[in-house]
Amino acid sequence: MNEAFDHEVDVLIVASGNGALTSALTCYELGVTDVLVVEKGEKIGGTSAFSGGGVWIPCNRYAKEAGAEDSLEDAREYLRRYRQINFS
């Protein structure tokens, strides 16, 4: 199955694990609608499909509905403290 594939996109996501699919969705939500996800495996999910990996999304409506207390400032502080990311 070595068919030539010639296609131009604004964003190309190579793989389909949690991080890759989150990136693709984020691009789309930010207005980049020409996004292509490619996966070499037979199934999507990458290693996340085997590990049961999760994605942390601060201030999401489902956590709020479940009673979680969360804020953007809490998320920024978490990232500053534990991931050593500088938000200016």
PDB file of N, CA and C in Angstrom:
ATOM      1  N   MET A   1       0.828  -1.178   0.000  1.00  0.00           N
ATOM      2  CA  MET A   1       0.000   0.000   0.000  1.00  0.00           C
ATOM      3  C   MET A   1       0.874   1.243   0.000  1.00  0.00           C
ATOM      4  N   ASN A   2       1.654   1.423  -1.028  1.00  0.00           N
ATOM      5  CA  ASN A   2       2.515   2.589  -1.167  1.00  0.00           C
ATOM      6  C   ASN A   2       1.941   3.567  -2.175  1.00  0.00           C
ATOM      7  N   GLU A   3       0.722   3.988  -1.933  1.00  0.00           N
ATOM      8  CA  GLU A   3       0.091   4.949  -2.819  1.00  0.00           C
ATOM      9  C   GLU A   3       0.615   6.342  -2.516  1.00  0.00           C
ATOM     10  N   ALA A   4       0.821   7.126  -3.562  1.00  0.00           N
ATOM     11  CA  ALA A   4       1.259   8.502  -3.372  1.00  0.00           C
ATOM     12  C   ALA A   4       0.113   9.306  -2.773  1.00  0.00           C
ATOM     13  N   PHE A   5       0.456  10.165  -1.841  1.00  0.00           N
ATOM     14  CA  PHE A   5      -0.538  11.011  -1.190  1.00  0.00           C
ATOM     15  C   PHE A   5      -0.003  12.427  -1.222  1.00  0.00           C
ATOM     16  N   ASP A   6      -0.624  13.268  -1.992  1.00  0.00           N
ATOM     17  CA  ASP A   6      -0.187  14.653  -2.135  1.00  0.00           C
ATOM     18  C   ASP A   6      -1.327  15.547  -1.671  1.00  0.00           C
ATOM     19  N   HIS A   7      -1.165  16.096  -0.473  1.00  0.00           N
ATOM     20  CA  HIS A   7      -2.234  16.906   0.109  1.00  0.00           C
ATOM     21  C   HIS A   7      -1.600  18.003   0.954  1.00  0.00           C
ATOM     22  N   GLU A   8      -2.122  19.198   0.854  1.00  0.00           N
ATOM     23  CA  GLU A   8      -1.604  20.323   1.630  1.00  0.00           C
ATOM     24  C   GLU A   8      -2.631  20.710   2.685  1.00  0.00           C
ATOM     25  N   VAL A   9      -2.161  20.896   3.926  1.00  0.00           N
ATOM     26  CA  VAL A   9      -3.030  21.294   5.035  1.00  0.00           C
ATOM     27  C   VAL A   9      -2.345  22.396   5.831  1.00  0.00           C
ATOM     28  N   ASP A  10      -3.135  23.093   6.626  1.00  0.00           N
ATOM     29  CA  ASP A  10      -2.556  24.118   7.502  1.00  0.00           C
ATOM     30  C   ASP A  10      -1.823  23.496   8.678  1.00  0.00           C
ATOM     31  N   VAL A  11      -2.393  22.428   9.239  1.00  0.00           N
ATOM     32  CA  VAL A  11      -1.774  21.745  10.382  1.00  0.00           C
ATOM     33  C   VAL A  11      -1.819  20.243  10.137  1.00  0.00           C
ATOM     34  N   LEU A  12      -0.662  19.604  10.289  1.00  0.00           N
ATOM     35  CA  LEU A  12      -0.553  18.154  10.165  1.00  0.00           C
ATOM     36  C   LEU A  12      -0.186  17.592  11.527  1.00  0.00           C
ATOM     37  N   ILE A  13      -1.024  16.703  12.034  1.00  0.00           N
ATOM     38  CA  ILE A  13      -0.771  16.038  13.310  1.00  0.00           C
ATOM     39  C   ILE A  13      -0.352  14.608  12.999  1.00  0.00           C
ATOM     40  N   VAL A  14       0.859  14.250  13.422  1.00  0.00           N
ATOM     41  CA  VAL A  14       1.379  12.910  13.154  1.00  0.00           C
ATOM     42  C   VAL A  14       1.266  12.092  14.429  1.00  0.00           C
ATOM     43  N   ALA A  15       0.305  11.187  14.468  1.00  0.00           N
ATOM     44  CA  ALA A  15      -0.003  10.287  15.582  1.00  0.00           C
ATOM     45  C   ALA A  15      -1.408  10.594  16.071  1.00  0.00           C
ATOM     46  N   SER A  16      -1.913   9.732  16.946  1.00  0.00           N
ATOM     47  CA  SER A  16      -3.287   9.926  17.394  1.00  0.00           C
ATOM     48  C   SER A  16      -3.471   9.632  18.882  1.00  0.00           C
ATOM     49  N   GLY A  17      -2.429   9.880  19.658  1.00  0.00           N
ATOM     50  CA  GLY A  17      -2.560   9.723  21.102  1.00  0.00           C
ATOM     51  C   GLY A  17      -3.308  10.910  21.698  1.00  0.00           C
ATOM     52  N   ASN A  18      -3.451  10.905  23.022  1.00  0.00           N
ATOM     53  CA  ASN A  18      -4.175  11.989  23.687  1.00  0.00           C
ATOM     54  C   ASN A  18      -3.618  13.360  23.341  1.00  0.00           C
ATOM     55  N   GLY A  19      -2.315  13.509  23.391  1.00  0.00           N
ATOM     56  CA  GLY A  19      -1.710  14.811  23.092  1.00  0.00           C
ATOM     57  C   GLY A  19      -1.951  15.247  21.660  1.00  0.00           C
ATOM     58  N   ALA A  20      -1.820  14.318  20.746  1.00  0.00           N
ATOM     59  CA  ALA A  20      -2.009  14.639  19.328  1.00  0.00           C
ATOM     60  C   ALA A  20      -3.451  15.030  19.035  1.00  0.00           C
ATOM     61  N   LEU A  21      -4.398  14.250  19.537  1.00  0.00           N
ATOM     62  CA  LEU A  21      -5.797  14.555  19.268  1.00  0.00           C
ATOM     63  C   LEU A  21      -6.233  15.826  19.983  1.00  0.00           C
ATOM     64  N   THR A  22      -5.680  16.087  21.161  1.00  0.00           N
ATOM     65  CA  THR A  22      -5.962  17.349  21.852  1.00  0.00           C
ATOM     66  C   THR A  22      -5.433  18.519  21.039  1.00  0.00           C
ATOM     67  N   SER A  23      -4.251  18.363  20.466  1.00  0.00           N
ATOM     68  CA  SER A  23      -3.689  19.419  19.606  1.00  0.00           C
ATOM     69  C   SER A  23      -4.562  19.668  18.389  1.00  0.00           C
ATOM     70  N   ALA A  24      -5.028  18.604  17.760  1.00  0.00           N
ATOM     71  CA  ALA A  24      -5.880  18.745  16.581  1.00  0.00           C
ATOM     72  C   ALA A  24      -7.179  19.461  16.936  1.00  0.00           C
ATOM     73  N   LEU A  25      -7.791  19.068  18.034  1.00  0.00           N
ATOM     74  CA  LEU A  25      -9.042  19.693  18.464  1.00  0.00           C
ATOM     75  C   LEU A  25      -8.827  21.159  18.828  1.00  0.00           C
ATOM     76  N   THR A  26      -7.722  21.440  19.508  1.00  0.00           N
ATOM     77  CA  THR A  26      -7.424  22.821  19.882  1.00  0.00           C
ATOM     78  C   THR A  26      -7.242  23.694  18.650  1.00  0.00           C
ATOM     79  N   CYS A  27      -6.517  23.191  17.662  1.00  0.00           N
ATOM     80  CA  CYS A  27      -6.352  23.945  16.415  1.00  0.00           C
ATOM     81  C   CYS A  27      -7.710  24.256  15.797  1.00  0.00           C
ATOM     82  N   TYR A  28      -8.555  23.253  15.732  1.00  0.00           N
ATOM     83  CA  TYR A  28      -9.884  23.426  15.142  1.00  0.00           C
ATOM     84  C   TYR A  28     -10.697  24.450  15.925  1.00  0.00           C
ATOM     85  N   GLU A  29     -10.682  24.329  17.236  1.00  0.00           N
ATOM     86  CA  GLU A  29     -11.449  25.256  18.082  1.00  0.00           C
ATOM     87  C   GLU A  29     -10.922  26.689  17.970  1.00  0.00           C
ATOM     88  N   LEU A  30      -9.638  26.838  17.664  1.00  0.00           N
ATOM     89  CA  LEU A  30      -9.054  28.173  17.498  1.00  0.00           C
ATOM     90  C   LEU A  30      -9.215  28.713  16.082  1.00  0.00           C
ATOM     91  N   GLY A  31      -9.914  27.956  15.241  1.00  0.00           N
ATOM     92  CA  GLY A  31     -10.241  28.467  13.917  1.00  0.00           C
ATOM     93  C   GLY A  31      -9.467  27.877  12.761  1.00  0.00           C
ATOM     94  N   VAL A  32      -8.533  26.980  13.043  1.00  0.00           N
ATOM     95  CA  VAL A  32      -7.782  26.332  11.964  1.00  0.00           C
ATOM     96  C   VAL A  32      -8.566  25.080  11.562  1.00  0.00           C
ATOM     97  N   THR A  33      -9.349  25.172  10.511  1.00  0.00           N
ATOM     98  CA  THR A  33     -10.231  24.059  10.154  1.00  0.00           C
ATOM     99  C   THR A  33      -9.596  23.059   9.202  1.00  0.00           C
ATOM    100  N   ASP A  34      -8.432  23.395   8.652  1.00  0.00           N
ATOM    101  CA  ASP A  34      -7.758  22.483   7.730  1.00  0.00           C
ATOM    102  C   ASP A  34      -6.683  21.708   8.492  1.00  0.00           C
ATOM    103  N   VAL A  35      -7.129  20.752   9.316  1.00  0.00           N
ATOM    104  CA  VAL A  35      -6.260  19.956  10.180  1.00  0.00           C
ATOM    105  C   VAL A  35      -6.359  18.503   9.747  1.00  0.00           C
ATOM    106  N   LEU A  36      -5.217  17.840   9.610  1.00  0.00           N
ATOM    107  CA  LEU A  36      -5.188  16.433   9.233  1.00  0.00           C
ATOM    108  C   LEU A  36      -4.428  15.644  10.286  1.00  0.00           C
ATOM    109  N   VAL A  37      -5.035  14.558  10.770  1.00  0.00           N
ATOM    110  CA  VAL A  37      -4.390  13.648  11.713  1.00  0.00           C
ATOM    111  C   VAL A  37      -4.039  12.378  10.950  1.00  0.00           C
ATOM    112  N   VAL A  38      -2.777  11.968  10.990  1.00  0.00           N
ATOM    113  CA  VAL A  38      -2.368  10.718  10.352  1.00  0.00           C
ATOM    114  C   VAL A  38      -1.854   9.762  11.426  1.00  0.00           C
ATOM    115  N   GLU A  39      -2.167   8.498  11.245  1.00  0.00           N
ATOM    116  CA  GLU A  39      -1.771   7.454  12.196  1.00  0.00           C
ATOM    117  C   GLU A  39      -1.322   6.231  11.418  1.00  0.00           C
ATOM    118  N   LYS A  40      -0.159   5.699  11.760  1.00  0.00           N
ATOM    119  CA  LYS A  40       0.337   4.526  11.033  1.00  0.00           C
ATOM    120  C   LYS A  40      -0.262   3.219  11.541  1.00  0.00           C
ATOM    121  N   GLY A  41      -0.771   3.214  12.753  1.00  0.00           N
ATOM    122  CA  GLY A  41      -1.340   2.008  13.323  1.00  0.00           C
ATOM    123  C   GLY A  41      -2.739   1.717  12.794  1.00  0.00           C
ATOM    124  N   GLU A  42      -3.213   0.530  13.102  1.00  0.00           N
ATOM    125  CA  GLU A  42      -4.545   0.128  12.658  1.00  0.00           C
ATOM    126  C   GLU A  42      -5.650   0.837  13.432  1.00  0.00           C
ATOM    127  N   LYS A  43      -5.356   1.250  14.653  1.00  0.00           N
ATOM    128  CA  LYS A  43      -6.350   1.903  15.505  1.00  0.00           C
ATOM    129  C   LYS A  43      -5.817   3.247  15.977  1.00  0.00           C
ATOM    130  N   ILE A  44      -6.747   4.164  16.269  1.00  0.00           N
ATOM    131  CA  ILE A  44      -6.317   5.439  16.809  1.00  0.00           C
ATOM    132  C   ILE A  44      -6.106   5.323  18.306  1.00  0.00           C
ATOM    133  N   GLY A  45      -5.357   6.254  18.864  1.00  0.00           N
ATOM    134  CA  GLY A  45      -5.155   6.289  20.307  1.00  0.00           C
ATOM    135  C   GLY A  45      -3.717   6.211  20.740  1.00  0.00           C
ATOM    136  N   GLY A  46      -2.838   5.727  19.879  1.00  0.00           N
ATOM    137  CA  GLY A  46      -1.430   5.617  20.252  1.00  0.00           C
ATOM    138  C   GLY A  46      -1.256   4.848  21.547  1.00  0.00           C
ATOM    139  N   THR A  47      -0.231   5.176  22.314  1.00  0.00           N
ATOM    140  CA  THR A  47      -0.006   4.484  23.577  1.00  0.00           C
ATOM    141  C   THR A  47      -1.076   4.841  24.607  1.00  0.00           C
ATOM    142  N   SER A  48      -1.767   5.966  24.389  1.00  0.00           N
ATOM    143  CA  SER A  48      -2.847   6.348  25.311  1.00  0.00           C
ATOM    144  C   SER A  48      -3.960   5.312  25.304  1.00  0.00           C
ATOM    145  N   ALA A  49      -4.157   4.653  24.182  1.00  0.00           N
ATOM    146  CA  ALA A  49      -5.204   3.625  24.091  1.00  0.00           C
ATOM    147  C   ALA A  49      -4.883   2.427  24.987  1.00  0.00           C
ATOM    148  N   PHE A  50      -3.610   2.210  25.250  1.00  0.00           N
ATOM    149  CA  PHE A  50      -3.200   1.084  26.089  1.00  0.00           C
ATOM    150  C   PHE A  50      -3.013   1.490  27.547  1.00  0.00           C
ATOM    151  N   SER A  51      -2.628   2.734  27.765  1.00  0.00           N
ATOM    152  CA  SER A  51      -2.311   3.165  29.122  1.00  0.00           C
ATOM    153  C   SER A  51      -3.513   3.737  29.860  1.00  0.00           C
ATOM    154  N   GLY A  52      -4.568   4.045  29.129  1.00  0.00           N
ATOM    155  CA  GLY A  52      -5.711   4.698  29.772  1.00  0.00           C
ATOM    156  C   GLY A  52      -5.391   6.127  30.141  1.00  0.00           C
ATOM    157  N   GLY A  53      -4.457   6.727  29.432  1.00  0.00           N
ATOM    158  CA  GLY A  53      -4.035   8.096  29.714  1.00  0.00           C
ATOM    159  C   GLY A  53      -5.197   9.067  29.668  1.00  0.00           C
ATOM    160  N   GLY A  54      -5.073  10.120  30.414  1.00  0.00           N
ATOM    161  CA  GLY A  54      -6.107  11.138  30.461  1.00  0.00           C
ATOM    162  C   GLY A  54      -5.532  12.492  30.095  1.00  0.00           C
ATOM    163  N   VAL A  55      -6.414  13.417  29.865  1.00  0.00           N
ATOM    164  CA  VAL A  55      -6.013  14.778  29.528  1.00  0.00           C
ATOM    165  C   VAL A  55      -6.623  15.715  30.560  1.00  0.00           C
ATOM    166  N   TRP A  56      -5.790  16.535  31.179  1.00  0.00           N
ATOM    167  CA  TRP A  56      -6.266  17.512  32.155  1.00  0.00           C
ATOM    168  C   TRP A  56      -6.719  18.753  31.418  1.00  0.00           C
ATOM    169  N   ILE A  57      -7.968  19.124  31.605  1.00  0.00           N
ATOM    170  CA  ILE A  57      -8.519  20.324  30.984  1.00  0.00           C
ATOM    171  C   ILE A  57      -9.094  21.183  32.100  1.00  0.00           C
ATOM    172  N   PRO A  58      -8.350  22.201  32.518  1.00  0.00           N
ATOM    173  CA  PRO A  58      -8.829  23.039  33.615  1.00  0.00           C
ATOM    174  C   PRO A  58     -10.145  23.734  33.265  1.00  0.00           C
ATOM    175  N   CYS A  59     -10.968  23.933  34.255  1.00  0.00           N
ATOM    176  CA  CYS A  59     -12.215  24.703  34.152  1.00  0.00           C
ATOM    177  C   CYS A  59     -13.190  24.125  33.135  1.00  0.00           C
ATOM    178  N   ASN A  60     -13.204  22.817  32.958  1.00  0.00           N
ATOM    179  CA  ASN A  60     -14.153  22.262  31.999  1.00  0.00           C
ATOM    180  C   ASN A  60     -15.518  22.094  32.647  1.00  0.00           C
ATOM    181  N   ARG A  61     -16.545  22.110  31.828  1.00  0.00           N
ATOM    182  CA  ARG A  61     -17.923  22.100  32.334  1.00  0.00           C
ATOM    183  C   ARG A  61     -18.286  20.805  33.054  1.00  0.00           C
ATOM    184  N   TYR A  62     -17.673  19.695  32.657  1.00  0.00           N
ATOM    185  CA  TYR A  62     -18.008  18.422  33.284  1.00  0.00           C
ATOM    186  C   TYR A  62     -17.492  18.370  34.721  1.00  0.00           C
ATOM    187  N   ALA A  63     -16.288  18.853  34.928  1.00  0.00           N
ATOM    188  CA  ALA A  63     -15.750  18.893  36.287  1.00  0.00           C
ATOM    189  C   ALA A  63     -16.567  19.854  37.147  1.00  0.00           C
ATOM    190  N   LYS A  64     -16.947  20.983  36.563  1.00  0.00           N
ATOM    191  CA  LYS A  64     -17.756  21.957  37.294  1.00  0.00           C
ATOM    192  C   LYS A  64     -19.101  21.350  37.700  1.00  0.00           C
ATOM    193  N   GLU A  65     -19.739  20.629  36.751  1.00  0.00           N
ATOM    194  CA  GLU A  65     -21.013  19.980  37.042  1.00  0.00           C
ATOM    195  C   GLU A  65     -20.878  18.923  38.135  1.00  0.00           C
ATOM    196  N   ALA A  66     -19.674  18.316  38.232  1.00  0.00           N
ATOM    197  CA  ALA A  66     -19.431  17.296  39.250  1.00  0.00           C
ATOM    198  C   ALA A  66     -19.045  17.911  40.595  1.00  0.00           C
ATOM    199  N   GLY A  67     -18.957  19.252  40.633  1.00  0.00           N
ATOM    200  CA  GLY A  67     -18.662  19.934  41.893  1.00  0.00           C
ATOM    201  C   GLY A  67     -17.210  20.305  42.106  1.00  0.00           C
ATOM    202  N   ALA A  68     -16.375  20.134  41.108  1.00  0.00           N
ATOM    203  CA  ALA A  68     -14.962  20.484  41.256  1.00  0.00           C
ATOM    204  C   ALA A  68     -14.799  22.000  41.331  1.00  0.00           C
ATOM    205  N   GLU A  69     -13.946  22.437  42.241  1.00  0.00           N
ATOM    206  CA  GLU A  69     -13.622  23.851  42.328  1.00  0.00           C
ATOM    207  C   GLU A  69     -12.340  24.079  41.544  1.00  0.00           C
ATOM    208  N   ASP A  70     -12.410  24.945  40.558  1.00  0.00           N
ATOM    209  CA  ASP A  70     -11.293  25.141  39.644  1.00  0.00           C
ATOM    210  C   ASP A  70     -11.352  26.569  39.126  1.00  0.00           C
ATOM    211  N   SER A  71     -10.205  27.090  38.757  1.00  0.00           N
ATOM    212  CA  SER A  71     -10.156  28.419  38.152  1.00  0.00           C
ATOM    213  C   SER A  71      -8.951  28.483  37.232  1.00  0.00           C
ATOM    214  N   LEU A  72      -8.964  29.440  36.331  1.00  0.00           N
ATOM    215  CA  LEU A  72      -7.803  29.609  35.446  1.00  0.00           C
ATOM    216  C   LEU A  72      -6.575  29.982  36.249  1.00  0.00           C
ATOM    217  N   GLU A  73      -6.743  30.781  37.293  1.00  0.00           N
ATOM    218  CA  GLU A  73      -5.592  31.150  38.123  1.00  0.00           C
ATOM    219  C   GLU A  73      -5.025  29.928  38.838  1.00  0.00           C
ATOM    220  N   ASP A  74      -5.889  29.009  39.309  1.00  0.00           N
ATOM    221  CA  ASP A  74      -5.407  27.760  39.919  1.00  0.00           C
ATOM    222  C   ASP A  74      -4.603  26.950  38.906  1.00  0.00           C
ATOM    223  N   ALA A  75      -5.081  26.883  37.670  1.00  0.00           N
ATOM    224  CA  ALA A  75      -4.370  26.142  36.624  1.00  0.00           C
ATOM    225  C   ALA A  75      -3.022  26.776  36.335  1.00  0.00           C
ATOM    226  N   ARG A  76      -2.993  28.108  36.226  1.00  0.00           N
ATOM    227  CA  ARG A  76      -1.710  28.797  35.989  1.00  0.00           C
ATOM    228  C   ARG A  76      -0.722  28.540  37.125  1.00  0.00           C
ATOM    229  N   GLU A  77      -1.219  28.602  38.366  1.00  0.00           N
ATOM    230  CA  GLU A  77      -0.349  28.372  39.515  1.00  0.00           C
ATOM    231  C   GLU A  77       0.187  26.943  39.515  1.00  0.00           C
ATOM    232  N   TYR A  78      -0.647  25.987  39.190  1.00  0.00           N
ATOM    233  CA  TYR A  78      -0.202  24.598  39.098  1.00  0.00           C
ATOM    234  C   TYR A  78       0.926  24.465  38.076  1.00  0.00           C
ATOM    235  N   LEU A  79       0.726  25.044  36.905  1.00  0.00           N
ATOM    236  CA  LEU A  79       1.743  24.950  35.864  1.00  0.00           C
ATOM    237  C   LEU A  79       3.018  25.692  36.252  1.00  0.00           C
ATOM    238  N   ARG A  80       2.875  26.844  36.889  1.00  0.00           N
ATOM    239  CA  ARG A  80       4.061  27.583  37.353  1.00  0.00           C
ATOM    240  C   ARG A  80       4.859  26.755  38.350  1.00  0.00           C
ATOM    241  N   ARG A  81       4.151  26.190  39.306  1.00  0.00           N
ATOM    242  CA  ARG A  81       4.818  25.495  40.406  1.00  0.00           C
ATOM    243  C   ARG A  81       5.376  24.140  40.002  1.00  0.00           C
ATOM    244  N   TYR A  82       4.563  23.330  39.309  1.00  0.00           N
ATOM    245  CA  TYR A  82       4.945  21.942  39.073  1.00  0.00           C
ATOM    246  C   TYR A  82       5.542  21.682  37.699  1.00  0.00           C
ATOM    247  N   ARG A  83       5.304  22.544  36.766  1.00  0.00           N
ATOM    248  CA  ARG A  83       5.839  22.348  35.418  1.00  0.00           C
ATOM    249  C   ARG A  83       6.895  23.382  35.066  1.00  0.00           C
ATOM    250  N   GLN A  84       7.089  24.334  35.946  1.00  0.00           N
ATOM    251  CA  GLN A  84       8.073  25.389  35.767  1.00  0.00           C
ATOM    252  C   GLN A  84       7.889  26.108  34.430  1.00  0.00           C
ATOM    253  N   ILE A  85       6.645  26.426  34.111  1.00  0.00           N
ATOM    254  CA  ILE A  85       6.332  27.196  32.912  1.00  0.00           C
ATOM    255  C   ILE A  85       6.083  28.623  33.339  1.00  0.00           C
ATOM    256  N   ASN A  86       6.666  29.563  32.639  1.00  0.00           N
ATOM    257  CA  ASN A  86       6.518  30.978  32.972  1.00  0.00           C
ATOM    258  C   ASN A  86       5.433  31.605  32.128  1.00  0.00           C
ATOM    259  N   PHE A  87       4.351  32.049  32.769  1.00  0.00           N
ATOM    260  CA  PHE A  87       3.289  32.768  32.078  1.00  0.00           C
ATOM    261  C   PHE A  87       3.475  34.249  32.367  1.00  0.00           C
ATOM    262  N   SER A  88       3.660  35.028  31.346  1.00  0.00           N
ATOM    263  CA  SER A  88       3.835  36.473  31.537  1.00  0.00           C
ATOM    264  C   SER A  88       2.535  37.188  31.363  1.00  0.00           C
TER     265      SER A  88
END
